[in-house]
Amino acid sequence: MSFTVHARVSLRALSYQHGSIVSALEQGLSLLTAGMSDVRIVDSAGRSHSPTTLYAQLFGPRAAVAAPPVERDAAALPLAA
């Protein structure tokens, strides 16, 4: 299956061809991180996805992980002058 990654930077449009969905997803996420706009991944059937939506469809939504509580030693806190 063929995948095309489309992105924009200013007035310039970019397109990249990929043979696998994982490589297309990796580049799409990289382009988003680099600040490109309108990043889309289009498959050979013409379906268009944003990289974040496609990631969630492939790997599921990210689960929120609670941060462990921070223990502070009262002696380690700075004293007010």
PDB file of N, CA and C in Angstrom:
ATOM      1  N   MET A   1       0.847  -1.172   0.000  1.00  0.00           N
ATOM      2  CA  MET A   1       0.000   0.000   0.000  1.00  0.00           C
ATOM      3  C   MET A   1       0.895   1.238   0.000  1.00  0.00           C
ATOM      4  N   SER A   2       0.445   2.281  -0.620  1.00  0.00           N
ATOM      5  CA  SER A   2       1.202   3.519  -0.734  1.00  0.00           C
ATOM      6  C   SER A   2       0.601   4.600   0.160  1.00  0.00           C
ATOM      7  N   PHE A   3       1.469   5.390   0.781  1.00  0.00           N
ATOM      8  CA  PHE A   3       1.045   6.486   1.650  1.00  0.00           C
ATOM      9  C   PHE A   3       1.789   7.745   1.250  1.00  0.00           C
ATOM     10  N   THR A   4       1.077   8.853   1.219  1.00  0.00           N
ATOM     11  CA  THR A   4       1.674  10.138   0.888  1.00  0.00           C
ATOM     12  C   THR A   4       1.485  11.082   2.066  1.00  0.00           C
ATOM     13  N   VAL A   5       2.574  11.722   2.462  1.00  0.00           N
ATOM     14  CA  VAL A   5       2.536  12.700   3.544  1.00  0.00           C
ATOM     15  C   VAL A   5       2.570  14.085   2.894  1.00  0.00           C
ATOM     16  N   HIS A   6       1.557  14.884   3.187  1.00  0.00           N
ATOM     17  CA  HIS A   6       1.475  16.256   2.672  1.00  0.00           C
ATOM     18  C   HIS A   6       1.653  17.217   3.836  1.00  0.00           C
ATOM     19  N   ALA A   7       2.373  18.316   3.572  1.00  0.00           N
ATOM     20  CA  ALA A   7       2.571  19.344   4.604  1.00  0.00           C
ATOM     21  C   ALA A   7       2.786  20.691   3.937  1.00  0.00           C
ATOM     22  N   ARG A   8       2.611  21.757   4.710  1.00  0.00           N
ATOM     23  CA  ARG A   8       2.831  23.125   4.222  1.00  0.00           C
ATOM     24  C   ARG A   8       3.760  23.857   5.175  1.00  0.00           C
ATOM     25  N   VAL A   9       4.590  24.680   4.568  1.00  0.00           N
ATOM     26  CA  VAL A   9       5.397  25.623   5.323  1.00  0.00           C
ATOM     27  C   VAL A   9       5.357  26.918   4.518  1.00  0.00           C
ATOM     28  N   SER A  10       4.812  27.953   5.132  1.00  0.00           N
ATOM     29  CA  SER A  10       4.545  29.226   4.441  1.00  0.00           C
ATOM     30  C   SER A  10       3.676  28.949   3.217  1.00  0.00           C
ATOM     31  N   LEU A  11       4.141  29.308   2.030  1.00  0.00           N
ATOM     32  CA  LEU A  11       3.370  29.066   0.804  1.00  0.00           C
ATOM     33  C   LEU A  11       3.830  27.816   0.062  1.00  0.00           C
ATOM     34  N   ARG A  12       4.791  27.120   0.630  1.00  0.00           N
ATOM     35  CA  ARG A  12       5.370  25.956  -0.031  1.00  0.00           C
ATOM     36  C   ARG A  12       4.665  24.670   0.416  1.00  0.00           C
ATOM     37  N   ALA A  13       4.269  23.852  -0.545  1.00  0.00           N
ATOM     38  CA  ALA A  13       3.632  22.566  -0.245  1.00  0.00           C
ATOM     39  C   ALA A  13       4.639  21.443  -0.485  1.00  0.00           C
ATOM     40  N   LEU A  14       4.696  20.506   0.453  1.00  0.00           N
ATOM     41  CA  LEU A  14       5.617  19.377   0.356  1.00  0.00           C
ATOM     42  C   LEU A  14       4.833  18.076   0.330  1.00  0.00           C
ATOM     43  N   SER A  15       5.347  17.081  -0.408  1.00  0.00           N
ATOM     44  CA  SER A  15       4.738  15.752  -0.455  1.00  0.00           C
ATOM     45  C   SER A  15       5.840  14.701  -0.436  1.00  0.00           C
ATOM     46  N   TYR A  16       5.629  13.652   0.358  1.00  0.00           N
ATOM     47  CA  TYR A  16       6.599  12.572   0.473  1.00  0.00           C
ATOM     48  C   TYR A  16       5.862  11.245   0.323  1.00  0.00           C
ATOM     49  N   GLN A  17       6.421  10.322  -0.457  1.00  0.00           N
ATOM     50  CA  GLN A  17       5.826   8.993  -0.669  1.00  0.00           C
ATOM     51  C   GLN A  17       6.461   8.000   0.298  1.00  0.00           C
ATOM     52  N   HIS A  18       5.637   7.090   0.822  1.00  0.00           N
ATOM     53  CA  HIS A  18       6.112   6.042   1.724  1.00  0.00           C
ATOM     54  C   HIS A  18       5.439   4.727   1.370  1.00  0.00           C
ATOM     55  N   GLY A  19       6.161   3.646   1.577  1.00  0.00           N
ATOM     56  CA  GLY A  19       5.624   2.322   1.312  1.00  0.00           C
ATOM     57  C   GLY A  19       4.960   1.696   2.524  1.00  0.00           C
ATOM     58  N   SER A  20       5.197   2.260   3.707  1.00  0.00           N
ATOM     59  CA  SER A  20       4.577   1.700   4.906  1.00  0.00           C
ATOM     60  C   SER A  20       3.906   2.799   5.720  1.00  0.00           C
ATOM     61  N   ILE A  21       2.878   2.397   6.434  1.00  0.00           N
ATOM     62  CA  ILE A  21       2.128   3.352   7.235  1.00  0.00           C
ATOM     63  C   ILE A  21       2.964   3.869   8.410  1.00  0.00           C
ATOM     64  N   VAL A  22       3.840   3.022   8.941  1.00  0.00           N
ATOM     65  CA  VAL A  22       4.654   3.432  10.093  1.00  0.00           C
ATOM     66  C   VAL A  22       5.662   4.500   9.682  1.00  0.00           C
ATOM     67  N   SER A  23       6.294   4.345   8.525  1.00  0.00           N
ATOM     68  CA  SER A  23       7.256   5.366   8.093  1.00  0.00           C
ATOM     69  C   SER A  23       6.543   6.674   7.741  1.00  0.00           C
ATOM     70  N   ALA A  24       5.341   6.584   7.161  1.00  0.00           N
ATOM     71  CA  ALA A  24       4.566   7.790   6.865  1.00  0.00           C
ATOM     72  C   ALA A  24       4.150   8.486   8.159  1.00  0.00           C
ATOM     73  N   LEU A  25       3.737   7.707   9.134  1.00  0.00           N
ATOM     74  CA  LEU A  25       3.341   8.270  10.428  1.00  0.00           C
ATOM     75  C   LEU A  25       4.529   8.928  11.122  1.00  0.00           C
ATOM     76  N   GLU A  26       5.684   8.276  11.077  1.00  0.00           N
ATOM     77  CA  GLU A  26       6.881   8.837  11.702  1.00  0.00           C
ATOM     78  C   GLU A  26       7.235  10.187  11.068  1.00  0.00           C
ATOM     79  N   GLN A  27       7.192  10.263   9.738  1.00  0.00           N
ATOM     80  CA  GLN A  27       7.511  11.526   9.093  1.00  0.00           C
ATOM     81  C   GLN A  27       6.438  12.576   9.362  1.00  0.00           C
ATOM     82  N   GLY A  28       5.173  12.181   9.366  1.00  0.00           N
ATOM     83  CA  GLY A  28       4.100  13.127   9.648  1.00  0.00           C
ATOM     84  C   GLY A  28       4.237  13.747  11.026  1.00  0.00           C
ATOM     85  N   LEU A  29       4.545  12.931  12.033  1.00  0.00           N
ATOM     86  CA  LEU A  29       4.738  13.450  13.389  1.00  0.00           C
ATOM     87  C   LEU A  29       5.975  14.341  13.465  1.00  0.00           C
ATOM     88  N   SER A  30       7.014  13.973  12.737  1.00  0.00           N
ATOM     89  CA  SER A  30       8.228  14.784  12.706  1.00  0.00           C
ATOM     90  C   SER A  30       7.968  16.148  12.072  1.00  0.00           C
ATOM     91  N   LEU A  31       7.180  16.176  11.002  1.00  0.00           N
ATOM     92  CA  LEU A  31       6.860  17.447  10.348  1.00  0.00           C
ATOM     93  C   LEU A  31       6.016  18.337  11.259  1.00  0.00           C
ATOM     94  N   LEU A  32       5.090  17.729  11.995  1.00  0.00           N
ATOM     95  CA  LEU A  32       4.297  18.498  12.961  1.00  0.00           C
ATOM     96  C   LEU A  32       5.201  19.117  14.027  1.00  0.00           C
ATOM     97  N   THR A  33       6.128  18.317  14.532  1.00  0.00           N
ATOM     98  CA  THR A  33       7.048  18.790  15.555  1.00  0.00           C
ATOM     99  C   THR A  33       7.934  19.917  15.027  1.00  0.00           C
ATOM    100  N   ALA A  34       8.258  19.863  13.741  1.00  0.00           N
ATOM    101  CA  ALA A  34       9.097  20.892  13.120  1.00  0.00           C
ATOM    102  C   ALA A  34       8.329  22.185  12.839  1.00  0.00           C
ATOM    103  N   GLY A  35       7.013  22.172  13.082  1.00  0.00           N
ATOM    104  CA  GLY A  35       6.229  23.389  12.927  1.00  0.00           C
ATOM    105  C   GLY A  35       5.505  23.521  11.599  1.00  0.00           C
ATOM    106  N   MET A  36       5.476  22.468  10.809  1.00  0.00           N
ATOM    107  CA  MET A  36       4.756  22.527   9.535  1.00  0.00           C
ATOM    108  C   MET A  36       3.251  22.516   9.806  1.00  0.00           C
ATOM    109  N   SER A  37       2.484  23.047   8.871  1.00  0.00           N
ATOM    110  CA  SER A  37       1.030  23.098   9.036  1.00  0.00           C
ATOM    111  C   SER A  37       0.359  22.196   8.006  1.00  0.00           C
ATOM    112  N   ASP A  38      -0.910  21.931   8.223  1.00  0.00           N
ATOM    113  CA  ASP A  38      -1.723  21.109   7.314  1.00  0.00           C
ATOM    114  C   ASP A  38      -1.057  19.768   6.998  1.00  0.00           C
ATOM    115  N   VAL A  39      -0.497  19.112   7.994  1.00  0.00           N
ATOM    116  CA  VAL A  39       0.146  17.821   7.788  1.00  0.00           C
ATOM    117  C   VAL A  39      -0.939  16.758   7.691  1.00  0.00           C
ATOM    118  N   ARG A  40      -0.956  16.028   6.587  1.00  0.00           N
ATOM    119  CA  ARG A  40      -1.953  14.977   6.339  1.00  0.00           C
ATOM    120  C   ARG A  40      -1.264  13.742   5.793  1.00  0.00           C
ATOM    121  N   ILE A  41      -1.780  12.578   6.129  1.00  0.00           N
ATOM    122  CA  ILE A  41      -1.301  11.312   5.577  1.00  0.00           C
ATOM    123  C   ILE A  41      -2.455  10.730   4.774  1.00  0.00           C
ATOM    124  N   VAL A  42      -2.208  10.516   3.487  1.00  0.00           N
ATOM    125  CA  VAL A  42      -3.246  10.027   2.579  1.00  0.00           C
ATOM    126  C   VAL A  42      -2.846   8.642   2.092  1.00  0.00           C
ATOM    127  N   ASP A  43      -3.775   7.670   2.199  1.00  0.00           N
ATOM    128  CA  ASP A  43      -3.474   6.320   1.727  1.00  0.00           C
ATOM    129  C   ASP A  43      -3.873   6.172   0.260  1.00  0.00           C
ATOM    130  N   SER A  44      -3.609   4.998  -0.304  1.00  0.00           N
ATOM    131  CA  SER A  44      -3.869   4.780  -1.730  1.00  0.00           C
ATOM    132  C   SER A  44      -5.367   4.785  -2.058  1.00  0.00           C
ATOM    133  N   ALA A  45      -6.225   4.631  -1.050  1.00  0.00           N
ATOM    134  CA  ALA A  45      -7.675   4.688  -1.263  1.00  0.00           C
ATOM    135  C   ALA A  45      -8.192   6.123  -1.194  1.00  0.00           C
ATOM    136  N   GLY A  46      -7.306   7.080  -0.877  1.00  0.00           N
ATOM    137  CA  GLY A  46      -7.709   8.478  -0.816  1.00  0.00           C
ATOM    138  C   GLY A  46      -8.154   8.958   0.547  1.00  0.00           C
ATOM    139  N   ARG A  47      -8.104   8.080   1.560  1.00  0.00           N
ATOM    140  CA  ARG A  47      -8.473   8.490   2.919  1.00  0.00           C
ATOM    141  C   ARG A  47      -7.365   9.351   3.507  1.00  0.00           C
ATOM    142  N   SER A  48      -7.758  10.455   4.121  1.00  0.00           N
ATOM    143  CA  SER A  48      -6.804  11.413   4.675  1.00  0.00           C
ATOM    144  C   SER A  48      -6.925  11.447   6.194  1.00  0.00           C
ATOM    145  N   HIS A  49      -5.779  11.437   6.867  1.00  0.00           N
ATOM    146  CA  HIS A  49      -5.740  11.439   8.329  1.00  0.00           C
ATOM    147  C   HIS A  49      -4.701  12.434   8.812  1.00  0.00           C
ATOM    148  N   SER A  50      -4.938  13.031   9.967  1.00  0.00           N
ATOM    149  CA  SER A  50      -3.880  13.801  10.611  1.00  0.00           C
ATOM    150  C   SER A  50      -2.969  12.784  11.299  1.00  0.00           C
ATOM    151  N   PRO A  51      -1.686  13.101  11.471  1.00  0.00           N
ATOM    152  CA  PRO A  51      -0.782  12.145  12.124  1.00  0.00           C
ATOM    153  C   PRO A  51      -1.227  11.754  13.533  1.00  0.00           C
ATOM    154  N   THR A  52      -1.750  12.700  14.301  1.00  0.00           N
ATOM    155  CA  THR A  52      -2.163  12.376  15.667  1.00  0.00           C
ATOM    156  C   THR A  52      -3.380  11.449  15.695  1.00  0.00           C
ATOM    157  N   THR A  53      -4.322  11.658  14.790  1.00  0.00           N
ATOM    158  CA  THR A  53      -5.490  10.788  14.714  1.00  0.00           C
ATOM    159  C   THR A  53      -5.097   9.390  14.259  1.00  0.00           C
ATOM    160  N   LEU A  54      -4.217   9.313  13.275  1.00  0.00           N
ATOM    161  CA  LEU A  54      -3.759   8.019  12.779  1.00  0.00           C
ATOM    162  C   LEU A  54      -2.991   7.269  13.864  1.00  0.00           C
ATOM    163  N   TYR A  55      -2.171   7.976  14.624  1.00  0.00           N
ATOM    164  CA  TYR A  55      -1.445   7.354  15.735  1.00  0.00           C
ATOM    165  C   TYR A  55      -2.432   6.744  16.731  1.00  0.00           C
ATOM    166  N   ALA A  56      -3.465   7.508  17.085  1.00  0.00           N
ATOM    167  CA  ALA A  56      -4.461   7.017  18.045  1.00  0.00           C
ATOM    168  C   ALA A  56      -5.211   5.808  17.493  1.00  0.00           C
ATOM    169  N   GLN A  57      -5.483   5.786  16.194  1.00  0.00           N
ATOM    170  CA  GLN A  57      -6.175   4.641  15.594  1.00  0.00           C
ATOM    171  C   GLN A  57      -5.297   3.396  15.593  1.00  0.00           C
ATOM    172  N   LEU A  58      -3.999   3.576  15.365  1.00  0.00           N
ATOM    173  CA  LEU A  58      -3.094   2.433  15.303  1.00  0.00           C
ATOM    174  C   LEU A  58      -2.706   1.910  16.680  1.00  0.00           C
ATOM    175  N   PHE A  59      -2.416   2.813  17.600  1.00  0.00           N
ATOM    176  CA  PHE A  59      -1.843   2.414  18.882  1.00  0.00           C
ATOM    177  C   PHE A  59      -2.738   2.699  20.075  1.00  0.00           C
ATOM    178  N   GLY A  60      -3.911   3.274  19.851  1.00  0.00           N
ATOM    179  CA  GLY A  60      -4.818   3.591  20.941  1.00  0.00           C
ATOM    180  C   GLY A  60      -4.470   4.928  21.556  1.00  0.00           C
ATOM    181  N   PRO A  61      -5.418   5.506  22.288  1.00  0.00           N
ATOM    182  CA  PRO A  61      -5.144   6.808  22.917  1.00  0.00           C
ATOM    183  C   PRO A  61      -4.124   6.646  24.037  1.00  0.00           C
ATOM    184  N   ARG A  62      -3.395   7.698  24.283  1.00  0.00           N
ATOM    185  CA  ARG A  62      -2.414   7.678  25.366  1.00  0.00           C
ATOM    186  C   ARG A  62      -3.150   7.707  26.698  1.00  0.00           C
ATOM    187  N   ALA A  63      -2.780   6.831  27.573  1.00  0.00           N
ATOM    188  CA  ALA A  63      -3.378   6.792  28.905  1.00  0.00           C
ATOM    189  C   ALA A  63      -2.695   7.822  29.786  1.00  0.00           C
ATOM    190  N   ALA A  64      -3.483   8.529  30.543  1.00  0.00           N
ATOM    191  CA  ALA A  64      -2.918   9.512  31.469  1.00  0.00           C
ATOM    192  C   ALA A  64      -2.299   8.767  32.640  1.00  0.00           C
ATOM    193  N   VAL A  65      -1.070   9.114  32.952  1.00  0.00           N
ATOM    194  CA  VAL A  65      -0.368   8.481  34.061  1.00  0.00           C
ATOM    195  C   VAL A  65      -0.201   9.519  35.150  1.00  0.00           C
ATOM    196  N   ALA A  66      -0.683   9.174  36.336  1.00  0.00           N
ATOM    197  CA  ALA A  66      -0.571  10.102  37.461  1.00  0.00           C
ATOM    198  C   ALA A  66       0.878  10.155  37.937  1.00  0.00           C
ATOM    199  N   ALA A  67       1.347  11.339  38.187  1.00  0.00           N
ATOM    200  CA  ALA A  67       2.704  11.512  38.706  1.00  0.00           C
ATOM    201  C   ALA A  67       2.738  11.076  40.162  1.00  0.00           C
ATOM    202  N   PRO A  68       3.832  10.457  40.556  1.00  0.00           N
ATOM    203  CA  PRO A  68       3.915  10.040  41.960  1.00  0.00           C
ATOM    204  C   PRO A  68       3.972  11.269  42.862  1.00  0.00           C
ATOM    205  N   PRO A  69       3.437  11.159  44.069  1.00  0.00           N
ATOM    206  CA  PRO A  69       3.458  12.311  44.979  1.00  0.00           C
ATOM    207  C   PRO A  69       4.894  12.684  45.342  1.00  0.00           C
ATOM    208  N   VAL A  70       5.108  13.964  45.484  1.00  0.00           N
ATOM    209  CA  VAL A  70       6.433  14.464  45.831  1.00  0.00           C
ATOM    210  C   VAL A  70       6.523  14.582  47.346  1.00  0.00           C
ATOM    211  N   GLU A  71       7.517  13.923  47.897  1.00  0.00           N
ATOM    212  CA  GLU A  71       7.723  13.997  49.340  1.00  0.00           C
ATOM    213  C   GLU A  71       8.797  15.031  49.595  1.00  0.00           C
ATOM    214  N   ARG A  72       8.517  15.954  50.471  1.00  0.00           N
ATOM    215  CA  ARG A  72       9.481  16.997  50.794  1.00  0.00           C
ATOM    216  C   ARG A  72       9.855  16.917  52.259  1.00  0.00           C
ATOM    217  N   ASP A  73      11.114  17.055  52.479  1.00  0.00           N
ATOM    218  CA  ASP A  73      11.625  17.081  53.843  1.00  0.00           C
ATOM    219  C   ASP A  73      11.565  18.521  54.329  1.00  0.00           C
ATOM    220  N   ALA A  74      10.920  18.759  55.439  1.00  0.00           N
ATOM    221  CA  ALA A  74      10.765  20.112  55.969  1.00  0.00           C
ATOM    222  C   ALA A  74      12.115  20.773  56.217  1.00  0.00           C
ATOM    223  N   ALA A  75      13.136  19.998  56.540  1.00  0.00           N
ATOM    224  CA  ALA A  75      14.451  20.558  56.796  1.00  0.00           C
ATOM    225  C   ALA A  75      15.126  20.999  55.505  1.00  0.00           C
ATOM    226  N   ALA A  76      14.717  20.458  54.371  1.00  0.00           N
ATOM    227  CA  ALA A  76      15.341  20.783  53.098  1.00  0.00           C
ATOM    228  C   ALA A  76      14.759  22.050  52.464  1.00  0.00           C
ATOM    229  N   LEU A  77      13.647  22.538  52.994  1.00  0.00           N
ATOM    230  CA  LEU A  77      13.041  23.724  52.428  1.00  0.00           C
ATOM    231  C   LEU A  77      13.809  24.965  52.882  1.00  0.00           C
ATOM    232  N   PRO A  78      13.982  25.935  51.971  1.00  0.00           N
ATOM    233  CA  PRO A  78      14.712  27.139  52.362  1.00  0.00           C
ATOM    234  C   PRO A  78      13.888  27.962  53.372  1.00  0.00           C
ATOM    235  N   LEU A  79      14.582  28.612  54.256  1.00  0.00           N
ATOM    236  CA  LEU A  79      13.928  29.454  55.250  1.00  0.00           C
ATOM    237  C   LEU A  79      13.808  30.874  54.724  1.00  0.00           C
ATOM    238  N   ALA A  80      12.731  31.542  55.073  1.00  0.00           N
ATOM    239  CA  ALA A  80      12.554  32.933  54.658  1.00  0.00           C
ATOM    240  C   ALA A  80      13.478  33.808  55.496  1.00  0.00           C
ATOM    241  N   ALA A  81      14.016  34.837  54.886  1.00  0.00           N
ATOM    242  CA  ALA A  81      14.943  35.734  55.582  1.00  0.00           C
ATOM    243  C   ALA A  81      14.222  36.744  56.417  1.00  0.00           C
TER     244      ALA A  81
END
